[in-house]
Amino acid sequence: MIFHIVAGGPEHELPDFTSNSQADEQWIGVDRGALYLLKRGIVPARAFGDFDSVSMEEWNKIASAIPDFVQFPAEKDETDLEIALNYALSQKPVAIYMYGVTGGRLDHFFGAVTLLTKKEITKDKLPVYIVDNQNEISVHTPGTTEIMKNEKWPYCSFFAVSEKVIGLTLKGFKYPLYDHLLQSGSSRCVSNEIIDKKAVFSFCSGILMVIRSRDGGNSR
């Protein structure tokens, strides 16, 4: 099962959901993200949140359209997004996509990015992505990963989430690397490009963030 989680960030940051349609998938709305889904004709299987960002009229719409919703108090130890992500992780998914977590408040965005490093994700090498109109963000643990060239995401950047990433090797990229030590704070691996039909990156130690992106103003 593929899970799509839509949170309540700025609506203009959301991508075209129809391009991600899969047969075996489940949609989850987080707070105002549930409304975003309903506006697009998608009824989420579940909705989570304190729903403090919606009006009473909007809340009634959510409650009447989505039979399975869980409302939490505003004062809690986890964000609404983390609660939804933990639920998705408990369902043993094959992949998770999170939308509506970029733009707007930087603390919300950074909080979403840190969720990619959860032990349940990194330990099992589960594909979890943050996606908006211009970017796709993922976090990887040691090993070899193959990625296909995609005109939607012409640029590919690499960042050390841990203090250092050891042995980073890039093949099939415009700027190849071999056994490179990528340290936290380095911009050495920003804005690379895949030149072959597919490319491969690998490393032997650390935690690596990969951002595939495009310039603004392109069509979806």
N, C-alpha and C. Protein backbone atom coordinates (compact mmCIF):
# COMPACT_ATOMS: atom_id res chain seq x y z
N MET A 1 0.84 -1.19 0.00
CA MET A 1 0.00 0.00 0.00
C MET A 1 0.88 1.25 0.00
N ILE A 2 0.54 2.19 -0.86
CA ILE A 2 1.19 3.50 -0.90
C ILE A 2 0.30 4.49 -0.16
N PHE A 3 0.90 5.24 0.76
CA PHE A 3 0.15 6.24 1.51
C PHE A 3 0.52 7.65 1.04
N HIS A 4 -0.51 8.47 0.84
CA HIS A 4 -0.33 9.88 0.50
C HIS A 4 -0.90 10.70 1.66
N ILE A 5 -0.05 11.51 2.28
CA ILE A 5 -0.46 12.33 3.42
C ILE A 5 -0.44 13.79 3.00
N VAL A 6 -1.57 14.46 3.13
CA VAL A 6 -1.67 15.86 2.73
C VAL A 6 -1.91 16.72 3.96
N ALA A 7 -0.95 17.60 4.27
CA ALA A 7 -1.04 18.48 5.41
C ALA A 7 -1.56 19.86 4.97
N GLY A 8 -1.63 20.78 5.92
CA GLY A 8 -2.32 22.04 5.68
C GLY A 8 -1.44 23.22 5.33
N GLY A 9 -0.28 22.98 4.71
CA GLY A 9 0.57 24.09 4.28
C GLY A 9 -0.08 24.89 3.17
N PRO A 10 0.60 25.94 2.68
CA PRO A 10 0.03 26.77 1.61
C PRO A 10 -0.45 25.94 0.42
N GLU A 11 -1.69 26.16 0.02
CA GLU A 11 -2.30 25.31 -1.01
C GLU A 11 -1.59 25.43 -2.35
N HIS A 12 -1.02 26.61 -2.64
CA HIS A 12 -0.37 26.79 -3.94
C HIS A 12 0.91 25.96 -4.07
N GLU A 13 1.41 25.42 -2.96
CA GLU A 13 2.60 24.58 -3.02
C GLU A 13 2.29 23.14 -3.41
N LEU A 14 1.02 22.77 -3.44
CA LEU A 14 0.66 21.39 -3.70
C LEU A 14 0.88 21.03 -5.17
N PRO A 15 1.36 19.83 -5.44
CA PRO A 15 1.52 19.37 -6.83
C PRO A 15 0.19 18.86 -7.37
N ASP A 16 0.20 18.41 -8.60
CA ASP A 16 -0.97 17.79 -9.21
C ASP A 16 -1.06 16.35 -8.73
N PHE A 17 -2.03 16.07 -7.87
CA PHE A 17 -2.14 14.74 -7.29
C PHE A 17 -2.45 13.66 -8.32
N THR A 18 -3.12 14.01 -9.41
CA THR A 18 -3.52 13.00 -10.38
C THR A 18 -2.32 12.31 -11.02
N SER A 19 -1.18 12.99 -11.07
CA SER A 19 0.01 12.40 -11.67
C SER A 19 0.61 11.32 -10.79
N ASN A 20 0.15 11.24 -9.51
CA ASN A 20 0.67 10.24 -8.58
C ASN A 20 -0.33 9.11 -8.32
N SER A 21 -1.37 9.05 -9.12
CA SER A 21 -2.43 8.08 -8.89
C SER A 21 -1.91 6.65 -9.00
N GLN A 22 -2.22 5.84 -7.99
CA GLN A 22 -1.82 4.43 -7.96
C GLN A 22 -3.04 3.60 -7.63
N ALA A 23 -3.04 2.34 -8.09
CA ALA A 23 -4.18 1.47 -7.83
C ALA A 23 -4.29 1.14 -6.34
N ASP A 24 -3.17 0.83 -5.72
CA ASP A 24 -3.16 0.41 -4.32
C ASP A 24 -2.63 1.55 -3.47
N GLU A 25 -3.50 2.48 -3.10
CA GLU A 25 -3.07 3.66 -2.38
C GLU A 25 -4.13 4.08 -1.38
N GLN A 26 -3.71 4.88 -0.41
CA GLN A 26 -4.63 5.43 0.57
C GLN A 26 -4.24 6.87 0.86
N TRP A 27 -5.24 7.74 0.89
CA TRP A 27 -5.01 9.16 1.15
C TRP A 27 -5.39 9.49 2.58
N ILE A 28 -4.56 10.33 3.21
CA ILE A 28 -4.80 10.78 4.57
C ILE A 28 -4.76 12.29 4.60
N GLY A 29 -5.76 12.91 5.19
CA GLY A 29 -5.78 14.37 5.35
C GLY A 29 -5.31 14.75 6.74
N VAL A 30 -4.47 15.76 6.82
CA VAL A 30 -3.99 16.27 8.10
C VAL A 30 -4.49 17.70 8.27
N ASP A 31 -5.36 17.89 9.26
CA ASP A 31 -5.91 19.21 9.53
C ASP A 31 -6.50 19.81 8.24
N ARG A 32 -6.06 20.99 7.83
CA ARG A 32 -6.63 21.64 6.65
C ARG A 32 -6.35 20.86 5.37
N GLY A 33 -5.37 19.98 5.40
CA GLY A 33 -5.09 19.15 4.25
C GLY A 33 -6.27 18.29 3.84
N ALA A 34 -7.13 17.94 4.80
CA ALA A 34 -8.33 17.17 4.47
C ALA A 34 -9.23 17.96 3.53
N LEU A 35 -9.32 19.26 3.77
CA LEU A 35 -10.13 20.13 2.89
C LEU A 35 -9.52 20.20 1.49
N TYR A 36 -8.20 20.30 1.42
CA TYR A 36 -7.53 20.35 0.12
C TYR A 36 -7.88 19.12 -0.71
N LEU A 37 -7.92 17.97 -0.06
CA LEU A 37 -8.25 16.73 -0.77
C LEU A 37 -9.70 16.75 -1.24
N LEU A 38 -10.61 17.15 -0.37
CA LEU A 38 -12.02 17.19 -0.74
C LEU A 38 -12.26 18.14 -1.91
N LYS A 39 -11.55 19.26 -1.94
CA LYS A 39 -11.67 20.21 -3.05
C LYS A 39 -11.23 19.60 -4.36
N ARG A 40 -10.35 18.62 -4.30
CA ARG A 40 -9.84 17.96 -5.51
C ARG A 40 -10.59 16.67 -5.83
N GLY A 41 -11.69 16.46 -5.13
CA GLY A 41 -12.50 15.30 -5.41
C GLY A 41 -11.97 14.00 -4.83
N ILE A 42 -11.05 14.10 -3.87
CA ILE A 42 -10.47 12.92 -3.22
C ILE A 42 -10.98 12.87 -1.79
N VAL A 43 -11.67 11.79 -1.45
CA VAL A 43 -12.13 11.61 -0.08
C VAL A 43 -11.10 10.76 0.66
N PRO A 44 -10.38 11.36 1.59
CA PRO A 44 -9.34 10.59 2.29
C PRO A 44 -9.94 9.47 3.14
N ALA A 45 -9.19 8.39 3.28
CA ALA A 45 -9.65 7.27 4.10
C ALA A 45 -9.70 7.65 5.57
N ARG A 46 -8.76 8.53 5.97
CA ARG A 46 -8.71 8.98 7.35
C ARG A 46 -8.28 10.44 7.39
N ALA A 47 -8.61 11.10 8.48
CA ALA A 47 -8.16 12.47 8.71
C ALA A 47 -7.70 12.59 10.16
N PHE A 48 -6.58 13.30 10.35
CA PHE A 48 -6.02 13.49 11.68
C PHE A 48 -5.81 14.99 11.91
N GLY A 49 -5.86 15.40 13.18
CA GLY A 49 -5.49 16.77 13.49
C GLY A 49 -6.29 17.37 14.62
N ASP A 50 -5.85 18.56 15.06
CA ASP A 50 -6.64 19.30 16.03
C ASP A 50 -7.66 20.20 15.32
N PHE A 51 -7.44 20.38 14.02
CA PHE A 51 -8.36 21.14 13.15
C PHE A 51 -8.61 22.56 13.65
N ASP A 52 -7.55 23.14 14.25
CA ASP A 52 -7.68 24.51 14.73
C ASP A 52 -7.49 25.53 13.61
N SER A 53 -7.15 25.06 12.41
CA SER A 53 -6.95 25.97 11.29
C SER A 53 -8.18 26.06 10.38
N VAL A 54 -9.26 25.40 10.75
CA VAL A 54 -10.46 25.42 9.91
C VAL A 54 -11.60 26.09 10.67
N SER A 55 -12.54 26.65 9.91
CA SER A 55 -13.72 27.25 10.51
C SER A 55 -14.72 26.17 10.90
N MET A 56 -15.76 26.55 11.63
CA MET A 56 -16.78 25.58 12.01
C MET A 56 -17.46 25.00 10.79
N GLU A 57 -17.70 25.83 9.79
CA GLU A 57 -18.32 25.36 8.56
C GLU A 57 -17.41 24.35 7.85
N GLU A 58 -16.13 24.66 7.81
CA GLU A 58 -15.19 23.74 7.17
C GLU A 58 -15.05 22.44 7.97
N TRP A 59 -15.07 22.56 9.29
CA TRP A 59 -15.00 21.36 10.12
C TRP A 59 -16.21 20.45 9.88
N ASN A 60 -17.38 21.03 9.78
CA ASN A 60 -18.59 20.25 9.51
C ASN A 60 -18.48 19.52 8.17
N LYS A 61 -17.87 20.19 7.20
CA LYS A 61 -17.69 19.56 5.89
C LYS A 61 -16.76 18.36 6.00
N ILE A 62 -15.68 18.52 6.75
CA ILE A 62 -14.74 17.41 6.95
C ILE A 62 -15.41 16.26 7.68
N ALA A 63 -16.11 16.57 8.77
CA ALA A 63 -16.72 15.54 9.61
C ALA A 63 -17.81 14.77 8.86
N SER A 64 -18.53 15.46 7.97
CA SER A 64 -19.61 14.79 7.25
C SER A 64 -19.10 13.98 6.06
N ALA A 65 -17.97 14.39 5.48
CA ALA A 65 -17.47 13.72 4.27
C ALA A 65 -16.52 12.58 4.58
N ILE A 66 -15.83 12.67 5.72
CA ILE A 66 -14.80 11.67 6.05
C ILE A 66 -15.27 10.89 7.29
N PRO A 67 -15.70 9.66 7.11
CA PRO A 67 -16.24 8.91 8.25
C PRO A 67 -15.21 8.56 9.31
N ASP A 68 -13.95 8.43 8.92
CA ASP A 68 -12.92 8.00 9.85
C ASP A 68 -11.95 9.15 10.11
N PHE A 69 -12.25 9.96 11.10
CA PHE A 69 -11.35 11.06 11.45
C PHE A 69 -11.03 10.99 12.94
N VAL A 70 -9.84 11.46 13.28
CA VAL A 70 -9.40 11.46 14.68
C VAL A 70 -9.00 12.88 15.04
N GLN A 71 -9.70 13.47 15.99
CA GLN A 71 -9.40 14.83 16.41
C GLN A 71 -8.62 14.80 17.72
N PHE A 72 -7.52 15.54 17.74
CA PHE A 72 -6.65 15.61 18.91
C PHE A 72 -6.68 17.01 19.50
N PRO A 73 -6.38 17.15 20.77
CA PRO A 73 -6.26 18.49 21.35
C PRO A 73 -5.06 19.22 20.78
N ALA A 74 -5.11 20.53 20.79
CA ALA A 74 -4.00 21.33 20.26
C ALA A 74 -2.73 21.13 21.08
N GLU A 75 -2.87 20.90 22.38
CA GLU A 75 -1.72 20.69 23.25
C GLU A 75 -1.39 19.20 23.28
N LYS A 76 -0.30 18.82 22.61
CA LYS A 76 0.09 17.41 22.54
C LYS A 76 1.58 17.33 22.26
N ASP A 77 2.14 16.15 22.39
CA ASP A 77 3.58 15.97 22.26
C ASP A 77 4.04 15.79 20.82
N GLU A 78 3.15 15.43 19.90
CA GLU A 78 3.50 15.21 18.50
C GLU A 78 2.71 16.18 17.63
N THR A 79 3.28 16.52 16.49
CA THR A 79 2.53 17.33 15.54
C THR A 79 1.47 16.46 14.88
N ASP A 80 0.47 17.12 14.29
CA ASP A 80 -0.57 16.40 13.57
C ASP A 80 0.05 15.54 12.45
N LEU A 81 1.06 16.10 11.78
CA LEU A 81 1.71 15.37 10.69
C LEU A 81 2.39 14.10 11.20
N GLU A 82 3.07 14.21 12.33
CA GLU A 82 3.75 13.02 12.86
C GLU A 82 2.75 11.95 13.27
N ILE A 83 1.62 12.36 13.82
CA ILE A 83 0.58 11.39 14.19
C ILE A 83 0.10 10.64 12.95
N ALA A 84 -0.14 11.38 11.87
CA ALA A 84 -0.58 10.75 10.63
C ALA A 84 0.50 9.85 10.05
N LEU A 85 1.75 10.31 10.11
CA LEU A 85 2.86 9.51 9.60
C LEU A 85 3.02 8.23 10.41
N ASN A 86 2.91 8.32 11.72
CA ASN A 86 3.03 7.13 12.56
C ASN A 86 1.94 6.11 12.22
N TYR A 87 0.74 6.60 11.95
CA TYR A 87 -0.33 5.68 11.54
C TYR A 87 0.03 4.99 10.24
N ALA A 88 0.49 5.76 9.25
CA ALA A 88 0.86 5.18 7.97
C ALA A 88 1.98 4.15 8.13
N LEU A 89 2.96 4.45 8.97
CA LEU A 89 4.06 3.52 9.21
C LEU A 89 3.57 2.22 9.85
N SER A 90 2.55 2.32 10.69
CA SER A 90 2.02 1.13 11.36
C SER A 90 1.31 0.19 10.40
N GLN A 91 0.97 0.69 9.21
CA GLN A 91 0.26 -0.12 8.22
C GLN A 91 1.19 -0.88 7.28
N LYS A 92 2.48 -0.83 7.55
CA LYS A 92 3.49 -1.53 6.74
C LYS A 92 3.41 -1.13 5.27
N PRO A 93 3.57 0.16 4.97
CA PRO A 93 3.44 0.63 3.58
C PRO A 93 4.66 0.28 2.74
N VAL A 94 4.50 0.38 1.42
CA VAL A 94 5.65 0.21 0.53
C VAL A 94 6.28 1.57 0.22
N ALA A 95 5.53 2.66 0.42
CA ALA A 95 6.06 4.02 0.21
C ALA A 95 5.09 5.01 0.83
N ILE A 96 5.61 6.17 1.20
CA ILE A 96 4.78 7.24 1.76
C ILE A 96 5.18 8.56 1.09
N TYR A 97 4.19 9.33 0.68
CA TYR A 97 4.41 10.66 0.12
C TYR A 97 3.71 11.68 1.01
N MET A 98 4.42 12.76 1.33
CA MET A 98 3.84 13.82 2.16
C MET A 98 3.80 15.13 1.37
N TYR A 99 2.64 15.77 1.38
CA TYR A 99 2.43 17.02 0.66
C TYR A 99 1.91 18.08 1.64
N GLY A 100 1.98 19.34 1.21
CA GLY A 100 1.45 20.40 2.04
C GLY A 100 2.28 20.66 3.28
N VAL A 101 3.58 20.35 3.22
CA VAL A 101 4.45 20.58 4.38
C VAL A 101 5.55 21.58 4.06
N THR A 102 5.56 22.13 2.85
CA THR A 102 6.56 23.14 2.48
C THR A 102 5.89 24.50 2.34
N GLY A 103 6.70 25.55 2.32
CA GLY A 103 6.14 26.89 2.25
C GLY A 103 5.59 27.29 3.61
N GLY A 104 5.24 28.55 3.75
CA GLY A 104 4.68 28.99 5.02
C GLY A 104 5.71 28.99 6.13
N ARG A 105 5.34 28.48 7.29
CA ARG A 105 6.20 28.53 8.47
C ARG A 105 7.39 27.59 8.33
N LEU A 106 8.57 28.12 8.56
CA LEU A 106 9.79 27.33 8.44
C LEU A 106 9.90 26.28 9.53
N ASP A 107 9.36 26.54 10.72
CA ASP A 107 9.43 25.54 11.77
C ASP A 107 8.62 24.31 11.41
N HIS A 108 7.47 24.53 10.77
CA HIS A 108 6.66 23.39 10.31
C HIS A 108 7.40 22.61 9.22
N PHE A 109 8.03 23.33 8.31
CA PHE A 109 8.76 22.67 7.23
C PHE A 109 9.93 21.86 7.78
N PHE A 110 10.73 22.48 8.66
CA PHE A 110 11.88 21.77 9.21
C PHE A 110 11.43 20.58 10.05
N GLY A 111 10.32 20.75 10.77
CA GLY A 111 9.79 19.62 11.54
C GLY A 111 9.42 18.46 10.64
N ALA A 112 8.86 18.76 9.46
CA ALA A 112 8.50 17.71 8.51
C ALA A 112 9.74 17.03 7.96
N VAL A 113 10.77 17.80 7.65
CA VAL A 113 12.01 17.22 7.12
C VAL A 113 12.65 16.29 8.14
N THR A 114 12.65 16.68 9.41
CA THR A 114 13.27 15.82 10.43
C THR A 114 12.51 14.50 10.57
N LEU A 115 11.24 14.47 10.23
CA LEU A 115 10.48 13.22 10.31
C LEU A 115 11.04 12.17 9.35
N LEU A 116 11.71 12.61 8.29
CA LEU A 116 12.28 11.67 7.33
C LEU A 116 13.41 10.84 7.95
N THR A 117 13.93 11.29 9.08
CA THR A 117 15.03 10.57 9.72
C THR A 117 14.54 9.65 10.84
N LYS A 118 13.23 9.48 10.97
CA LYS A 118 12.71 8.57 12.00
C LYS A 118 13.32 7.18 11.84
N LYS A 119 13.58 6.53 12.95
CA LYS A 119 14.21 5.22 12.93
C LYS A 119 13.39 4.21 12.13
N GLU A 120 12.07 4.31 12.22
CA GLU A 120 11.22 3.37 11.50
C GLU A 120 11.39 3.49 9.99
N ILE A 121 11.83 4.66 9.53
CA ILE A 121 12.04 4.90 8.10
C ILE A 121 13.44 4.50 7.68
N THR A 122 14.43 4.98 8.40
CA THR A 122 15.82 4.73 8.00
C THR A 122 16.23 3.27 8.21
N LYS A 123 15.75 2.65 9.29
CA LYS A 123 16.13 1.27 9.58
C LYS A 123 15.68 0.33 8.47
N ASP A 124 14.45 0.51 7.99
CA ASP A 124 13.89 -0.37 6.97
C ASP A 124 14.08 0.16 5.55
N LYS A 125 14.79 1.29 5.42
CA LYS A 125 15.00 1.90 4.10
C LYS A 125 13.67 2.13 3.37
N LEU A 126 12.68 2.57 4.11
CA LEU A 126 11.35 2.80 3.54
C LEU A 126 11.37 4.07 2.68
N PRO A 127 10.88 4.01 1.46
CA PRO A 127 10.82 5.22 0.62
C PRO A 127 9.76 6.19 1.14
N VAL A 128 10.21 7.31 1.68
CA VAL A 128 9.31 8.36 2.17
C VAL A 128 9.75 9.67 1.55
N TYR A 129 8.80 10.39 0.96
CA TYR A 129 9.14 11.59 0.21
C TYR A 129 8.29 12.78 0.66
N ILE A 130 8.93 13.95 0.66
CA ILE A 130 8.21 15.22 0.76
C ILE A 130 8.16 15.79 -0.65
N VAL A 131 6.96 16.13 -1.12
CA VAL A 131 6.80 16.57 -2.50
C VAL A 131 5.99 17.86 -2.55
N ASP A 132 6.47 18.82 -3.35
CA ASP A 132 5.66 20.00 -3.67
C ASP A 132 5.82 20.29 -5.16
N ASN A 133 5.44 21.48 -5.59
CA ASN A 133 5.46 21.81 -7.01
C ASN A 133 6.85 21.81 -7.62
N GLN A 134 7.87 22.03 -6.79
CA GLN A 134 9.22 22.18 -7.33
C GLN A 134 10.24 21.20 -6.79
N ASN A 135 9.87 20.41 -5.80
CA ASN A 135 10.88 19.60 -5.12
C ASN A 135 10.35 18.24 -4.70
N GLU A 136 11.29 17.30 -4.61
CA GLU A 136 11.03 15.99 -4.01
C GLU A 136 12.20 15.70 -3.09
N ILE A 137 11.92 15.51 -1.80
CA ILE A 137 12.96 15.34 -0.79
C ILE A 137 12.87 13.95 -0.19
N SER A 138 14.02 13.31 -0.04
CA SER A 138 14.06 11.99 0.60
C SER A 138 15.36 11.85 1.37
N VAL A 139 15.40 10.91 2.29
CA VAL A 139 16.57 10.65 3.12
C VAL A 139 16.98 9.18 2.94
N HIS A 140 18.29 8.94 2.86
CA HIS A 140 18.79 7.60 2.55
C HIS A 140 19.87 7.18 3.53
N THR A 141 19.93 5.87 3.77
CA THR A 141 20.98 5.27 4.59
C THR A 141 21.94 4.52 3.68
N PRO A 142 23.09 4.06 4.21
CA PRO A 142 24.14 3.49 3.35
C PRO A 142 23.64 2.38 2.42
N GLY A 143 24.23 2.38 1.24
CA GLY A 143 23.86 1.39 0.23
C GLY A 143 23.93 2.02 -1.15
N THR A 144 23.35 1.34 -2.12
CA THR A 144 23.34 1.80 -3.51
C THR A 144 21.90 2.05 -3.95
N THR A 145 21.66 3.20 -4.55
CA THR A 145 20.32 3.57 -5.01
C THR A 145 20.36 4.00 -6.47
N GLU A 146 19.46 3.45 -7.24
CA GLU A 146 19.34 3.79 -8.66
C GLU A 146 18.16 4.75 -8.85
N ILE A 147 18.38 5.84 -9.58
CA ILE A 147 17.30 6.78 -9.86
C ILE A 147 17.24 7.05 -11.36
N MET A 148 16.02 7.16 -11.87
CA MET A 148 15.81 7.37 -13.29
C MET A 148 15.83 8.87 -13.62
N LYS A 149 16.28 9.19 -14.80
CA LYS A 149 16.20 10.57 -15.27
C LYS A 149 14.74 10.95 -15.42
N ASN A 150 14.39 12.14 -14.99
CA ASN A 150 13.00 12.60 -15.03
C ASN A 150 13.00 14.09 -15.33
N GLU A 151 12.42 14.47 -16.46
CA GLU A 151 12.41 15.89 -16.85
C GLU A 151 11.68 16.76 -15.84
N LYS A 152 10.81 16.14 -15.05
CA LYS A 152 10.11 16.90 -14.01
C LYS A 152 11.08 17.39 -12.95
N TRP A 153 12.14 16.59 -12.70
CA TRP A 153 13.13 16.94 -11.69
C TRP A 153 14.52 16.95 -12.34
N PRO A 154 14.89 18.00 -13.06
CA PRO A 154 16.18 18.00 -13.76
C PRO A 154 17.39 18.12 -12.86
N TYR A 155 17.22 18.66 -11.65
CA TYR A 155 18.36 18.86 -10.76
C TYR A 155 18.31 17.89 -9.59
N CYS A 156 19.49 17.52 -9.14
CA CYS A 156 19.59 16.57 -8.04
C CYS A 156 20.72 17.03 -7.11
N SER A 157 20.38 17.23 -5.84
CA SER A 157 21.36 17.72 -4.86
C SER A 157 21.46 16.75 -3.69
N PHE A 158 22.66 16.74 -3.09
CA PHE A 158 22.94 15.80 -2.00
C PHE A 158 23.48 16.57 -0.80
N PHE A 159 22.96 16.23 0.38
CA PHE A 159 23.38 16.89 1.61
C PHE A 159 23.61 15.85 2.70
N ALA A 160 24.61 16.09 3.52
CA ALA A 160 24.86 15.22 4.67
C ALA A 160 23.93 15.61 5.81
N VAL A 161 23.04 14.69 6.20
CA VAL A 161 22.18 14.92 7.36
C VAL A 161 22.96 14.60 8.63
N SER A 162 23.74 13.56 8.59
CA SER A 162 24.64 13.24 9.69
C SER A 162 25.87 14.14 9.60
N GLU A 163 26.77 14.04 10.57
CA GLU A 163 27.96 14.89 10.57
C GLU A 163 28.76 14.73 9.28
N LYS A 164 28.78 13.51 8.75
CA LYS A 164 29.48 13.26 7.49
C LYS A 164 28.90 12.04 6.81
N VAL A 165 28.99 12.04 5.49
CA VAL A 165 28.62 10.89 4.67
C VAL A 165 29.90 10.40 4.01
N ILE A 166 30.25 9.16 4.27
CA ILE A 166 31.53 8.62 3.82
C ILE A 166 31.36 7.78 2.55
N GLY A 167 32.26 8.00 1.60
CA GLY A 167 32.30 7.17 0.41
C GLY A 167 31.24 7.48 -0.62
N LEU A 168 30.78 8.73 -0.69
CA LEU A 168 29.73 9.08 -1.64
C LEU A 168 30.25 8.97 -3.08
N THR A 169 29.58 8.15 -3.87
CA THR A 169 29.93 7.95 -5.27
C THR A 169 28.72 8.22 -6.14
N LEU A 170 28.91 9.04 -7.17
CA LEU A 170 27.84 9.41 -8.10
C LEU A 170 28.21 8.96 -9.49
N LYS A 171 27.37 8.13 -10.10
CA LYS A 171 27.60 7.65 -11.47
C LYS A 171 26.39 8.00 -12.33
N GLY A 172 26.67 8.45 -13.57
CA GLY A 172 25.60 8.84 -14.46
C GLY A 172 25.15 10.27 -14.28
N PHE A 173 25.94 11.05 -13.54
CA PHE A 173 25.64 12.45 -13.29
C PHE A 173 26.60 13.35 -14.08
N LYS A 174 26.17 14.58 -14.28
CA LYS A 174 27.01 15.56 -14.97
C LYS A 174 28.31 15.78 -14.22
N TYR A 175 28.22 15.79 -12.90
CA TYR A 175 29.40 15.95 -12.05
C TYR A 175 29.56 14.68 -11.22
N PRO A 176 30.30 13.71 -11.72
CA PRO A 176 30.47 12.45 -10.99
C PRO A 176 31.39 12.62 -9.79
N LEU A 177 31.26 11.70 -8.87
CA LEU A 177 32.13 11.67 -7.69
C LEU A 177 32.53 10.23 -7.42
N TYR A 178 33.67 10.07 -6.77
CA TYR A 178 34.09 8.72 -6.37
C TYR A 178 34.65 8.77 -4.95
N ASP A 179 34.02 8.01 -4.08
CA ASP A 179 34.51 7.84 -2.71
C ASP A 179 34.74 9.18 -2.02
N HIS A 180 33.75 10.06 -2.14
CA HIS A 180 33.88 11.42 -1.60
C HIS A 180 33.40 11.49 -0.15
N LEU A 181 34.06 12.29 0.65
CA LEU A 181 33.62 12.56 2.01
C LEU A 181 32.78 13.83 2.00
N LEU A 182 31.49 13.68 2.17
CA LEU A 182 30.58 14.82 2.19
C LEU A 182 30.27 15.16 3.63
N GLN A 183 30.65 16.35 4.04
CA GLN A 183 30.47 16.76 5.42
C GLN A 183 29.26 17.68 5.57
N SER A 184 28.66 17.66 6.74
CA SER A 184 27.55 18.55 7.03
C SER A 184 28.01 20.00 6.87
N GLY A 185 27.21 20.81 6.20
CA GLY A 185 27.58 22.19 5.95
C GLY A 185 28.21 22.43 4.60
N SER A 186 28.49 21.37 3.85
CA SER A 186 29.11 21.51 2.54
C SER A 186 28.06 21.67 1.45
N SER A 187 28.35 22.55 0.48
CA SER A 187 27.46 22.73 -0.68
C SER A 187 28.07 22.11 -1.94
N ARG A 188 29.03 21.23 -1.76
CA ARG A 188 29.74 20.62 -2.89
C ARG A 188 28.79 19.91 -3.86
N CYS A 189 27.74 19.30 -3.34
CA CYS A 189 26.89 18.44 -4.17
C CYS A 189 25.53 19.06 -4.48
N VAL A 190 25.49 20.39 -4.59
CA VAL A 190 24.25 21.08 -4.92
C VAL A 190 24.10 21.20 -6.43
N SER A 191 22.89 20.96 -6.94
CA SER A 191 22.51 21.22 -8.33
C SER A 191 23.29 20.40 -9.35
N ASN A 192 23.31 19.10 -9.14
CA ASN A 192 23.85 18.18 -10.12
C ASN A 192 22.74 17.81 -11.10
N GLU A 193 23.09 17.06 -12.15
CA GLU A 193 22.10 16.66 -13.15
C GLU A 193 22.39 15.24 -13.61
N ILE A 194 21.32 14.49 -13.87
CA ILE A 194 21.47 13.14 -14.42
C ILE A 194 21.63 13.26 -15.93
N ILE A 195 22.66 12.66 -16.48
CA ILE A 195 22.92 12.77 -17.92
C ILE A 195 22.59 11.48 -18.66
N ASP A 196 22.51 10.36 -17.97
CA ASP A 196 22.14 9.09 -18.60
C ASP A 196 20.66 8.81 -18.33
N LYS A 197 20.16 7.71 -18.87
CA LYS A 197 18.76 7.36 -18.63
C LYS A 197 18.52 7.09 -17.14
N LYS A 198 19.55 6.63 -16.48
CA LYS A 198 19.46 6.40 -15.05
C LYS A 198 20.81 6.70 -14.43
N ALA A 199 20.79 6.97 -13.15
CA ALA A 199 22.02 7.26 -12.42
C ALA A 199 22.03 6.45 -11.13
N VAL A 200 23.19 6.38 -10.52
CA VAL A 200 23.35 5.62 -9.28
C VAL A 200 24.14 6.45 -8.28
N PHE A 201 23.67 6.49 -7.04
CA PHE A 201 24.49 7.05 -5.97
C PHE A 201 24.64 6.00 -4.88
N SER A 202 25.79 6.02 -4.24
CA SER A 202 26.06 5.05 -3.18
C SER A 202 26.97 5.68 -2.14
N PHE A 203 26.93 5.14 -0.93
CA PHE A 203 27.84 5.57 0.13
C PHE A 203 27.86 4.49 1.19
N CYS A 204 28.84 4.54 2.07
CA CYS A 204 29.03 3.44 3.01
C CYS A 204 28.74 3.79 4.46
N SER A 205 28.58 5.10 4.77
CA SER A 205 28.32 5.48 6.15
C SER A 205 27.66 6.85 6.20
N GLY A 206 26.73 7.03 7.16
CA GLY A 206 26.07 8.31 7.33
C GLY A 206 24.62 8.31 6.88
N ILE A 207 24.02 9.47 6.92
CA ILE A 207 22.64 9.66 6.45
C ILE A 207 22.65 10.77 5.41
N LEU A 208 22.08 10.50 4.26
CA LEU A 208 22.15 11.40 3.11
C LEU A 208 20.76 11.89 2.73
N MET A 209 20.63 13.21 2.53
CA MET A 209 19.39 13.78 2.00
C MET A 209 19.55 14.04 0.52
N VAL A 210 18.54 13.65 -0.25
CA VAL A 210 18.54 13.86 -1.70
C VAL A 210 17.35 14.76 -2.04
N ILE A 211 17.63 15.85 -2.76
CA ILE A 211 16.57 16.76 -3.21
C ILE A 211 16.59 16.81 -4.73
N ARG A 212 15.52 16.35 -5.34
CA ARG A 212 15.33 16.48 -6.78
C ARG A 212 14.42 17.68 -6.99
N SER A 213 14.77 18.57 -7.92
CA SER A 213 14.05 19.83 -8.01
C SER A 213 14.03 20.38 -9.43
N ARG A 214 13.29 21.43 -9.61
CA ARG A 214 13.21 22.15 -10.88
C ARG A 214 13.06 23.64 -10.57
N ASP A 215 13.35 24.47 -11.57
CA ASP A 215 13.14 25.90 -11.40
C ASP A 215 11.66 26.21 -11.38
N GLY A 216 11.30 27.37 -10.81
CA GLY A 216 9.91 27.78 -10.78
C GLY A 216 9.44 28.22 -12.15
N GLY A 217 8.12 28.22 -12.31
CA GLY A 217 7.54 28.71 -13.55
C GLY A 217 7.33 27.65 -14.59
N ASN A 218 7.87 26.42 -14.37
CA ASN A 218 7.62 25.34 -15.31
C ASN A 218 6.22 24.78 -15.13
N SER A 219 5.73 24.13 -16.14
CA SER A 219 4.41 23.52 -16.04
C SER A 219 4.50 22.30 -15.16
N ARG A 220 3.38 21.90 -14.56
CA ARG A 220 3.35 20.75 -13.71
C ARG A 220 3.42 19.46 -14.52
